Amino acid sequence: MYENQFCIVRCYGAGVFFARVESLDGQTAQLRDARRIWYWDGAASLSQLATEGTKAPESCKFTVTVPQMTVTQVIEIIPCSEQAIASIGGVKEWKRT
């Protein structure tokens, strides 16, 4: 259903991710090109973020991209629009140097 599509994936306890959903088995998802959405601004909700992207990319804290990971206890998956993919992908990586 979501295979290889960029989505917002919300997990119980692990937080929120922007990633390609490689596969979904029950509440366990295999993700590729995953960024943790630690803090977002410029969207009222995850639904708006997945639909329109962020209006305030300079205020967002999205982590470095992880090539592959497994997350459990998935409670929500929202497919991203092309506009949102471009917007979220354009947010500078938030990391310590």
PDB file of N, CA and C in Angstrom:
ATOM      1  N   MET A   1       0.813  -1.192   0.000  1.00  0.00           N
ATOM      2  CA  MET A   1       0.000   0.000   0.000  1.00  0.00           C
ATOM      3  C   MET A   1       0.863   1.265   0.000  1.00  0.00           C
ATOM      4  N   TYR A   2       1.830   1.360   0.889  1.00  0.00           N
ATOM      5  CA  TYR A   2       2.691   2.540   0.979  1.00  0.00           C
ATOM      6  C   TYR A   2       4.081   2.288   0.413  1.00  0.00           C
ATOM      7  N   GLU A   3       4.325   1.114  -0.106  1.00  0.00           N
ATOM      8  CA  GLU A   3       5.666   0.687  -0.462  1.00  0.00           C
ATOM      9  C   GLU A   3       6.403   1.698  -1.329  1.00  0.00           C
ATOM     10  N   ASN A   4       7.575   2.107  -0.818  1.00  0.00           N
ATOM     11  CA  ASN A   4       8.495   3.041  -1.463  1.00  0.00           C
ATOM     12  C   ASN A   4       7.942   4.453  -1.626  1.00  0.00           C
ATOM     13  N   GLN A   5       6.871   4.756  -0.934  1.00  0.00           N
ATOM     14  CA  GLN A   5       6.286   6.087  -0.975  1.00  0.00           C
ATOM     15  C   GLN A   5       6.749   6.863   0.261  1.00  0.00           C
ATOM     16  N   PHE A   6       7.103   8.146   0.074  1.00  0.00           N
ATOM     17  CA  PHE A   6       7.443   8.967   1.228  1.00  0.00           C
ATOM     18  C   PHE A   6       6.183   9.230   2.039  1.00  0.00           C
ATOM     19  N   CYS A   7       6.311   9.015   3.348  1.00  0.00           N
ATOM     20  CA  CYS A   7       5.194   9.187   4.264  1.00  0.00           C
ATOM     21  C   CYS A   7       5.685   9.809   5.565  1.00  0.00           C
ATOM     22  N   ILE A   8       4.749  10.331   6.315  1.00  0.00           N
ATOM     23  CA  ILE A   8       4.981  10.678   7.707  1.00  0.00           C
ATOM     24  C   ILE A   8       4.534   9.454   8.496  1.00  0.00           C
ATOM     25  N   VAL A   9       5.437   8.917   9.315  1.00  0.00           N
ATOM     26  CA  VAL A   9       5.152   7.708  10.096  1.00  0.00           C
ATOM     27  C   VAL A   9       5.237   8.072  11.570  1.00  0.00           C
ATOM     28  N   ARG A  10       4.134   7.907  12.286  1.00  0.00           N
ATOM     29  CA  ARG A  10       4.115   8.208  13.722  1.00  0.00           C
ATOM     30  C   ARG A  10       4.092   6.898  14.486  1.00  0.00           C
ATOM     31  N   CYS A  11       4.997   6.800  15.463  1.00  0.00           N
ATOM     32  CA  CYS A  11       5.136   5.580  16.260  1.00  0.00           C
ATOM     33  C   CYS A  11       4.911   5.906  17.733  1.00  0.00           C
ATOM     34  N   TYR A  12       4.343   4.965  18.439  1.00  0.00           N
ATOM     35  CA  TYR A  12       4.157   5.126  19.865  1.00  0.00           C
ATOM     36  C   TYR A  12       5.522   5.056  20.542  1.00  0.00           C
ATOM     37  N   GLY A  13       5.909   6.117  21.209  1.00  0.00           N
ATOM     38  CA  GLY A  13       7.163   6.126  21.958  1.00  0.00           C
ATOM     39  C   GLY A  13       8.395   6.511  21.160  1.00  0.00           C
ATOM     40  N   ALA A  14       8.451   6.223  19.860  1.00  0.00           N
ATOM     41  CA  ALA A  14       9.653   6.502  19.062  1.00  0.00           C
ATOM     42  C   ALA A  14       9.575   7.848  18.352  1.00  0.00           C
ATOM     43  N   GLY A  15       8.399   8.414  18.244  1.00  0.00           N
ATOM     44  CA  GLY A  15       8.252   9.703  17.605  1.00  0.00           C
ATOM     45  C   GLY A  15       7.745   9.627  16.183  1.00  0.00           C
ATOM     46  N   VAL A  16       8.129  10.641  15.412  1.00  0.00           N
ATOM     47  CA  VAL A  16       7.614  10.830  14.059  1.00  0.00           C
ATOM     48  C   VAL A  16       8.773  10.802  13.073  1.00  0.00           C
ATOM     49  N   PHE A  17       8.543  10.177  11.919  1.00  0.00           N
ATOM     50  CA  PHE A  17       9.576  10.043  10.896  1.00  0.00           C
ATOM     51  C   PHE A  17       9.023  10.465   9.535  1.00  0.00           C
ATOM     52  N   PHE A  18       9.895  11.014   8.701  1.00  0.00           N
ATOM     53  CA  PHE A  18       9.637  11.248   7.288  1.00  0.00           C
ATOM     54  C   PHE A  18      10.500  10.225   6.577  1.00  0.00           C
ATOM     55  N   ALA A  19       9.887   9.312   5.843  1.00  0.00           N
ATOM     56  CA  ALA A  19      10.659   8.211   5.257  1.00  0.00           C
ATOM     57  C   ALA A  19       9.893   7.533   4.139  1.00  0.00           C
ATOM     58  N   ARG A  20      10.649   6.750   3.358  1.00  0.00           N
ATOM     59  CA  ARG A  20      10.020   5.845   2.399  1.00  0.00           C
ATOM     60  C   ARG A  20       9.628   4.588   3.182  1.00  0.00           C
ATOM     61  N   VAL A  21       8.392   4.185   3.062  1.00  0.00           N
ATOM     62  CA  VAL A  21       7.937   2.964   3.717  1.00  0.00           C
ATOM     63  C   VAL A  21       8.236   1.808   2.775  1.00  0.00           C
ATOM     64  N   GLU A  22       9.197   0.985   3.183  1.00  0.00           N
ATOM     65  CA  GLU A  22       9.596  -0.157   2.354  1.00  0.00           C
ATOM     66  C   GLU A  22       8.605  -1.303   2.504  1.00  0.00           C
ATOM     67  N   SER A  23       8.175  -1.543   3.740  1.00  0.00           N
ATOM     68  CA  SER A  23       7.165  -2.574   3.985  1.00  0.00           C
ATOM     69  C   SER A  23       6.512  -2.321   5.331  1.00  0.00           C
ATOM     70  N   LEU A  24       5.323  -2.902   5.491  1.00  0.00           N
ATOM     71  CA  LEU A  24       4.567  -2.781   6.725  1.00  0.00           C
ATOM     72  C   LEU A  24       4.022  -4.157   7.071  1.00  0.00           C
ATOM     73  N   ASP A  25       4.323  -4.624   8.287  1.00  0.00           N
ATOM     74  CA  ASP A  25       3.840  -5.918   8.774  1.00  0.00           C
ATOM     75  C   ASP A  25       3.206  -5.670  10.128  1.00  0.00           C
ATOM     76  N   GLY A  26       1.896  -5.569  10.152  1.00  0.00           N
ATOM     77  CA  GLY A  26       1.215  -5.233  11.394  1.00  0.00           C
ATOM     78  C   GLY A  26       1.598  -3.820  11.803  1.00  0.00           C
ATOM     79  N   GLN A  27       2.207  -3.687  12.980  1.00  0.00           N
ATOM     80  CA  GLN A  27       2.638  -2.378  13.474  1.00  0.00           C
ATOM     81  C   GLN A  27       4.139  -2.159  13.315  1.00  0.00           C
ATOM     82  N   THR A  28       4.796  -2.993  12.532  1.00  0.00           N
ATOM     83  CA  THR A  28       6.237  -2.858  12.294  1.00  0.00           C
ATOM     84  C   THR A  28       6.470  -2.423  10.860  1.00  0.00           C
ATOM     85  N   ALA A  29       7.256  -1.345  10.717  1.00  0.00           N
ATOM     86  CA  ALA A  29       7.546  -0.824   9.381  1.00  0.00           C
ATOM     87  C   ALA A  29       9.045  -0.809   9.133  1.00  0.00           C
ATOM     88  N   GLN A  30       9.408  -1.172   7.923  1.00  0.00           N
ATOM     89  CA  GLN A  30      10.783  -1.038   7.451  1.00  0.00           C
ATOM     90  C   GLN A  30      10.838   0.287   6.696  1.00  0.00           C
ATOM     91  N   LEU A  31      11.744   1.164   7.121  1.00  0.00           N
ATOM     92  CA  LEU A  31      11.854   2.486   6.516  1.00  0.00           C
ATOM     93  C   LEU A  31      13.184   2.652   5.802  1.00  0.00           C
ATOM     94  N   ARG A  32      13.169   3.447   4.750  1.00  0.00           N
ATOM     95  CA  ARG A  32      14.388   3.839   4.036  1.00  0.00           C
ATOM     96  C   ARG A  32      14.439   5.353   3.977  1.00  0.00           C
ATOM     97  N   ASP A  33      15.658   5.881   3.935  1.00  0.00           N
ATOM     98  CA  ASP A  33      15.854   7.329   3.814  1.00  0.00           C
ATOM     99  C   ASP A  33      15.041   8.076   4.869  1.00  0.00           C
ATOM    100  N   ALA A  34      15.190   7.654   6.114  1.00  0.00           N
ATOM    101  CA  ALA A  34      14.361   8.153   7.211  1.00  0.00           C
ATOM    102  C   ALA A  34      14.981   9.340   7.936  1.00  0.00           C
ATOM    103  N   ARG A  35      14.155  10.335   8.206  1.00  0.00           N
ATOM    104  CA  ARG A  35      14.543  11.476   9.029  1.00  0.00           C
ATOM    105  C   ARG A  35      13.556  11.572  10.174  1.00  0.00           C
ATOM    106  N   ARG A  36      14.062  11.693  11.398  1.00  0.00           N
ATOM    107  CA  ARG A  36      13.185  11.888  12.549  1.00  0.00           C
ATOM    108  C   ARG A  36      12.730  13.342  12.555  1.00  0.00           C
ATOM    109  N   ILE A  37      11.432  13.531  12.709  1.00  0.00           N
ATOM    110  CA  ILE A  37      10.843  14.861  12.815  1.00  0.00           C
ATOM    111  C   ILE A  37      10.823  15.193  14.304  1.00  0.00           C
ATOM    112  N   TRP A  38      11.905  15.797  14.780  1.00  0.00           N
ATOM    113  CA  TRP A  38      12.030  16.072  16.202  1.00  0.00           C
ATOM    114  C   TRP A  38      11.177  17.263  16.615  1.00  0.00           C
ATOM    115  N   TYR A  39      11.115  18.272  15.746  1.00  0.00           N
ATOM    116  CA  TYR A  39      10.296  19.458  15.999  1.00  0.00           C
ATOM    117  C   TYR A  39       9.918  20.054  14.648  1.00  0.00           C
ATOM    118  N   TRP A  40       8.677  20.421  14.485  1.00  0.00           N
ATOM    119  CA  TRP A  40       8.287  21.087  13.248  1.00  0.00           C
ATOM    120  C   TRP A  40       7.557  22.379  13.575  1.00  0.00           C
ATOM    121  N   ASP A  41       7.630  23.288  12.633  1.00  0.00           N
ATOM    122  CA  ASP A  41       6.944  24.569  12.699  1.00  0.00           C
ATOM    123  C   ASP A  41       6.426  24.838  11.291  1.00  0.00           C
ATOM    124  N   GLY A  42       5.467  25.713  11.163  1.00  0.00           N
ATOM    125  CA  GLY A  42       4.966  26.065   9.839  1.00  0.00           C
ATOM    126  C   GLY A  42       3.906  25.122   9.310  1.00  0.00           C
ATOM    127  N   ALA A  43       3.371  24.275  10.179  1.00  0.00           N
ATOM    128  CA  ALA A  43       2.235  23.400   9.855  1.00  0.00           C
ATOM    129  C   ALA A  43       1.512  23.137  11.170  1.00  0.00           C
ATOM    130  N   ALA A  44       0.199  23.178  11.133  1.00  0.00           N
ATOM    131  CA  ALA A  44      -0.580  23.027  12.362  1.00  0.00           C
ATOM    132  C   ALA A  44      -0.622  21.589  12.874  1.00  0.00           C
ATOM    133  N   SER A  45      -0.421  20.635  11.967  1.00  0.00           N
ATOM    134  CA  SER A  45      -0.532  19.226  12.344  1.00  0.00           C
ATOM    135  C   SER A  45       0.338  18.386  11.416  1.00  0.00           C
ATOM    136  N   LEU A  46       0.484  17.119  11.754  1.00  0.00           N
ATOM    137  CA  LEU A  46       1.205  16.212  10.859  1.00  0.00           C
ATOM    138  C   LEU A  46       0.459  16.044   9.539  1.00  0.00           C
ATOM    139  N   SER A  47      -0.843  16.118   9.581  1.00  0.00           N
ATOM    140  CA  SER A  47      -1.637  16.023   8.351  1.00  0.00           C
ATOM    141  C   SER A  47      -1.305  17.174   7.410  1.00  0.00           C
ATOM    142  N   GLN A  48      -1.213  18.383   7.940  1.00  0.00           N
ATOM    143  CA  GLN A  48      -0.856  19.527   7.109  1.00  0.00           C
ATOM    144  C   GLN A  48       0.585  19.414   6.628  1.00  0.00           C
ATOM    145  N   LEU A  49       1.489  18.947   7.501  1.00  0.00           N
ATOM    146  CA  LEU A  49       2.881  18.768   7.112  1.00  0.00           C
ATOM    147  C   LEU A  49       2.988  17.790   5.944  1.00  0.00           C
ATOM    148  N   ALA A  50       2.234  16.700   5.982  1.00  0.00           N
ATOM    149  CA  ALA A  50       2.271  15.694   4.918  1.00  0.00           C
ATOM    150  C   ALA A  50       1.605  16.174   3.634  1.00  0.00           C
ATOM    151  N   THR A  51       0.688  17.101   3.758  1.00  0.00           N
ATOM    152  CA  THR A  51      -0.046  17.608   2.600  1.00  0.00           C
ATOM    153  C   THR A  51       0.637  18.804   1.949  1.00  0.00           C
ATOM    154  N   GLU A  52       1.108  19.759   2.789  1.00  0.00           N
ATOM    155  CA  GLU A  52       1.630  21.026   2.278  1.00  0.00           C
ATOM    156  C   GLU A  52       3.098  21.259   2.573  1.00  0.00           C
ATOM    157  N   GLY A  53       3.674  20.476   3.470  1.00  0.00           N
ATOM    158  CA  GLY A  53       5.041  20.737   3.899  1.00  0.00           C
ATOM    159  C   GLY A  53       5.057  21.807   4.978  1.00  0.00           C
ATOM    160  N   THR A  54       6.228  22.375   5.225  1.00  0.00           N
ATOM    161  CA  THR A  54       6.372  23.386   6.256  1.00  0.00           C
ATOM    162  C   THR A  54       6.475  24.784   5.653  1.00  0.00           C
ATOM    163  N   LYS A  55       5.865  25.746   6.315  1.00  0.00           N
ATOM    164  CA  LYS A  55       5.959  27.145   5.902  1.00  0.00           C
ATOM    165  C   LYS A  55       7.112  27.843   6.620  1.00  0.00           C
ATOM    166  N   ALA A  56       7.778  27.134   7.560  1.00  0.00           N
ATOM    167  CA  ALA A  56       8.873  27.716   8.342  1.00  0.00           C
ATOM    168  C   ALA A  56      10.040  26.738   8.450  1.00  0.00           C
ATOM    169  N   PRO A  57      10.682  26.405   7.321  1.00  0.00           N
ATOM    170  CA  PRO A  57      11.741  25.390   7.350  1.00  0.00           C
ATOM    171  C   PRO A  57      12.925  25.745   8.239  1.00  0.00           C
ATOM    172  N   GLU A  58      13.199  27.036   8.413  1.00  0.00           N
ATOM    173  CA  GLU A  58      14.333  27.447   9.241  1.00  0.00           C
ATOM    174  C   GLU A  58      14.104  27.158  10.726  1.00  0.00           C
ATOM    175  N   SER A  59      12.861  26.953  11.129  1.00  0.00           N
ATOM    176  CA  SER A  59      12.549  26.671  12.530  1.00  0.00           C
ATOM    177  C   SER A  59      12.433  25.182  12.843  1.00  0.00           C
ATOM    178  N   CYS A  60      12.441  24.335  11.817  1.00  0.00           N
ATOM    179  CA  CYS A  60      12.243  22.896  12.011  1.00  0.00           C
ATOM    180  C   CYS A  60      13.524  22.205  12.458  1.00  0.00           C
ATOM    181  N   LYS A  61      13.357  21.110  13.178  1.00  0.00           N
ATOM    182  CA  LYS A  61      14.478  20.270  13.595  1.00  0.00           C
ATOM    183  C   LYS A  61      14.224  18.857  13.091  1.00  0.00           C
ATOM    184  N   PHE A  62      14.762  18.577  11.898  1.00  0.00           N
ATOM    185  CA  PHE A  62      14.664  17.269  11.263  1.00  0.00           C
ATOM    186  C   PHE A  62      16.075  16.700  11.227  1.00  0.00           C
ATOM    187  N   THR A  63      16.243  15.488  11.713  1.00  0.00           N
ATOM    188  CA  THR A  63      17.573  14.900  11.871  1.00  0.00           C
ATOM    189  C   THR A  63      18.222  14.518  10.541  1.00  0.00           C
ATOM    190  N   VAL A  64      19.420  13.985  10.664  1.00  0.00           N
ATOM    191  CA  VAL A  64      20.130  13.446   9.501  1.00  0.00           C
ATOM    192  C   VAL A  64      19.322  12.278   8.929  1.00  0.00           C
ATOM    193  N   THR A  65      19.607  11.931   7.699  1.00  0.00           N
ATOM    194  CA  THR A  65      18.910  10.828   7.036  1.00  0.00           C
ATOM    195  C   THR A  65      19.585   9.504   7.373  1.00  0.00           C
ATOM    196  N   VAL A  66      18.787   8.543   7.798  1.00  0.00           N
ATOM    197  CA  VAL A  66      19.256   7.190   8.097  1.00  0.00           C
ATOM    198  C   VAL A  66      18.863   6.311   6.902  1.00  0.00           C
ATOM    199  N   PRO A  67      19.831   5.614   6.299  1.00  0.00           N
ATOM    200  CA  PRO A  67      19.521   4.835   5.091  1.00  0.00           C
ATOM    201  C   PRO A  67      18.438   3.773   5.271  1.00  0.00           C
ATOM    202  N   GLN A  68      18.440   3.094   6.430  1.00  0.00           N
ATOM    203  CA  GLN A  68      17.464   2.021   6.642  1.00  0.00           C
ATOM    204  C   GLN A  68      17.232   1.855   8.133  1.00  0.00           C
ATOM    205  N   MET A  69      15.989   1.624   8.526  1.00  0.00           N
ATOM    206  CA  MET A  69      15.685   1.368   9.928  1.00  0.00           C
ATOM    207  C   MET A  69      14.348   0.657  10.054  1.00  0.00           C
ATOM    208  N   THR A  70      14.144   0.040  11.220  1.00  0.00           N
ATOM    209  CA  THR A  70      12.892  -0.625  11.547  1.00  0.00           C
ATOM    210  C   THR A  70      12.257   0.126  12.702  1.00  0.00           C
ATOM    211  N   VAL A  71      10.968   0.401  12.601  1.00  0.00           N
ATOM    212  CA  VAL A  71      10.238   1.007  13.705  1.00  0.00           C
ATOM    213  C   VAL A  71       9.064   0.110  14.055  1.00  0.00           C
ATOM    214  N   THR A  72       8.733   0.098  15.328  1.00  0.00           N
ATOM    215  CA  THR A  72       7.615  -0.717  15.799  1.00  0.00           C
ATOM    216  C   THR A  72       6.552   0.187  16.404  1.00  0.00           C
ATOM    217  N   GLN A  73       5.436  -0.393  16.702  1.00  0.00           N
ATOM    218  CA  GLN A  73       4.293   0.309  17.284  1.00  0.00           C
ATOM    219  C   GLN A  73       3.864   1.503  16.431  1.00  0.00           C
ATOM    220  N   VAL A  74       3.792   1.280  15.128  1.00  0.00           N
ATOM    221  CA  VAL A  74       3.326   2.309  14.197  1.00  0.00           C
ATOM    222  C   VAL A  74       1.845   2.555  14.460  1.00  0.00           C
ATOM    223  N   ILE A  75       1.491   3.816  14.658  1.00  0.00           N
ATOM    224  CA  ILE A  75       0.092   4.145  14.925  1.00  0.00           C
ATOM    225  C   ILE A  75      -0.534   5.037  13.853  1.00  0.00           C
ATOM    226  N   GLU A  76       0.305   5.589  12.969  1.00  0.00           N
ATOM    227  CA  GLU A  76      -0.240   6.442  11.918  1.00  0.00           C
ATOM    228  C   GLU A  76       0.749   6.534  10.758  1.00  0.00           C
ATOM    229  N   ILE A  77       0.236   6.427   9.544  1.00  0.00           N
ATOM    230  CA  ILE A  77       1.039   6.630   8.333  1.00  0.00           C
ATOM    231  C   ILE A  77       0.250   7.562   7.430  1.00  0.00           C
ATOM    232  N   ILE A  78       0.893   8.676   7.047  1.00  0.00           N
ATOM    233  CA  ILE A  78       0.246   9.654   6.180  1.00  0.00           C
ATOM    234  C   ILE A  78       1.098   9.823   4.928  1.00  0.00           C
ATOM    235  N   PRO A  79       0.590   9.445   3.762  1.00  0.00           N
ATOM    236  CA  PRO A  79       1.347   9.644   2.534  1.00  0.00           C
ATOM    237  C   PRO A  79       1.602  11.136   2.292  1.00  0.00           C
ATOM    238  N   CYS A  80       2.781  11.455   1.770  1.00  0.00           N
ATOM    239  CA  CYS A  80       3.163  12.844   1.522  1.00  0.00           C
ATOM    240  C   CYS A  80       2.901  13.237   0.072  1.00  0.00           C
ATOM    241  N   SER A  81       2.480  14.470  -0.109  1.00  0.00           N
ATOM    242  CA  SER A  81       2.315  15.023  -1.455  1.00  0.00           C
ATOM    243  C   SER A  81       3.687  15.393  -2.006  1.00  0.00           C
ATOM    244  N   GLU A  82       3.759  15.612  -3.304  1.00  0.00           N
ATOM    245  CA  GLU A  82       5.014  16.042  -3.920  1.00  0.00           C
ATOM    246  C   GLU A  82       5.478  17.373  -3.322  1.00  0.00           C
ATOM    247  N   GLN A  83       4.536  18.269  -3.054  1.00  0.00           N
ATOM    248  CA  GLN A  83       4.859  19.560  -2.441  1.00  0.00           C
ATOM    249  C   GLN A  83       5.497  19.350  -1.062  1.00  0.00           C
ATOM    250  N   ALA A  84       4.931  18.460  -0.265  1.00  0.00           N
ATOM    251  CA  ALA A  84       5.459  18.192   1.069  1.00  0.00           C
ATOM    252  C   ALA A  84       6.834  17.528   1.001  1.00  0.00           C
ATOM    253  N   ILE A  85       7.014  16.602   0.064  1.00  0.00           N
ATOM    254  CA  ILE A  85       8.298  15.918  -0.086  1.00  0.00           C
ATOM    255  C   ILE A  85       9.396  16.934  -0.386  1.00  0.00           C
ATOM    256  N   ALA A  86       9.123  17.858  -1.290  1.00  0.00           N
ATOM    257  CA  ALA A  86      10.110  18.887  -1.635  1.00  0.00           C
ATOM    258  C   ALA A  86      10.377  19.797  -0.446  1.00  0.00           C
ATOM    259  N   SER A  87       9.345  20.180   0.257  1.00  0.00           N
ATOM    260  CA  SER A  87       9.483  21.075   1.399  1.00  0.00           C
ATOM    261  C   SER A  87      10.267  20.427   2.537  1.00  0.00           C
ATOM    262  N   ILE A  88       9.872  19.234   2.930  1.00  0.00           N
ATOM    263  CA  ILE A  88      10.530  18.532   4.032  1.00  0.00           C
ATOM    264  C   ILE A  88      11.961  18.173   3.650  1.00  0.00           C
ATOM    265  N   GLY A  89      12.148  17.715   2.430  1.00  0.00           N
ATOM    266  CA  GLY A  89      13.489  17.369   1.948  1.00  0.00           C
ATOM    267  C   GLY A  89      14.422  18.568   1.915  1.00  0.00           C
ATOM    268  N   GLY A  90      13.863  19.768   1.813  1.00  0.00           N
ATOM    269  CA  GLY A  90      14.665  20.975   1.759  1.00  0.00           C
ATOM    270  C   GLY A  90      15.059  21.540   3.111  1.00  0.00           C
ATOM    271  N   VAL A  91      14.538  20.942   4.181  1.00  0.00           N
ATOM    272  CA  VAL A  91      14.888  21.421   5.525  1.00  0.00           C
ATOM    273  C   VAL A  91      16.305  20.979   5.866  1.00  0.00           C
ATOM    274  N   LYS A  92      17.109  21.923   6.310  1.00  0.00           N
ATOM    275  CA  LYS A  92      18.497  21.648   6.686  1.00  0.00           C
ATOM    276  C   LYS A  92      18.545  20.599   7.797  1.00  0.00           C
ATOM    277  N   GLU A  93      19.504  19.674   7.691  1.00  0.00           N
ATOM    278  CA  GLU A  93      19.651  18.634   8.721  1.00  0.00           C
ATOM    279  C   GLU A  93      20.012  19.269  10.048  1.00  0.00           C
ATOM    280  N   TRP A  94      19.293  18.853  11.075  1.00  0.00           N
ATOM    281  CA  TRP A  94      19.548  19.331  12.425  1.00  0.00           C
ATOM    282  C   TRP A  94      20.478  18.321  13.097  1.00  0.00           C
ATOM    283  N   LYS A  95      21.680  18.796  13.430  1.00  0.00           N
ATOM    284  CA  LYS A  95      22.657  17.909  14.073  1.00  0.00           C
ATOM    285  C   LYS A  95      23.663  18.736  14.846  1.00  0.00           C
ATOM    286  N   ARG A  96      24.325  18.095  15.751  1.00  0.00           N
ATOM    287  CA  ARG A  96      25.409  18.753  16.494  1.00  0.00           C
ATOM    288  C   ARG A  96      26.701  18.590  15.734  1.00  0.00           C
ATOM    289  N   THR A  97      27.526  19.612  15.740  1.00  0.00           N
ATOM    290  CA  THR A  97      28.794  19.536  15.040  1.00  0.00           C
ATOM    291  C   THR A  97      29.957  19.584  16.017  1.00  0.00           C
TER     292      THR A  97
END
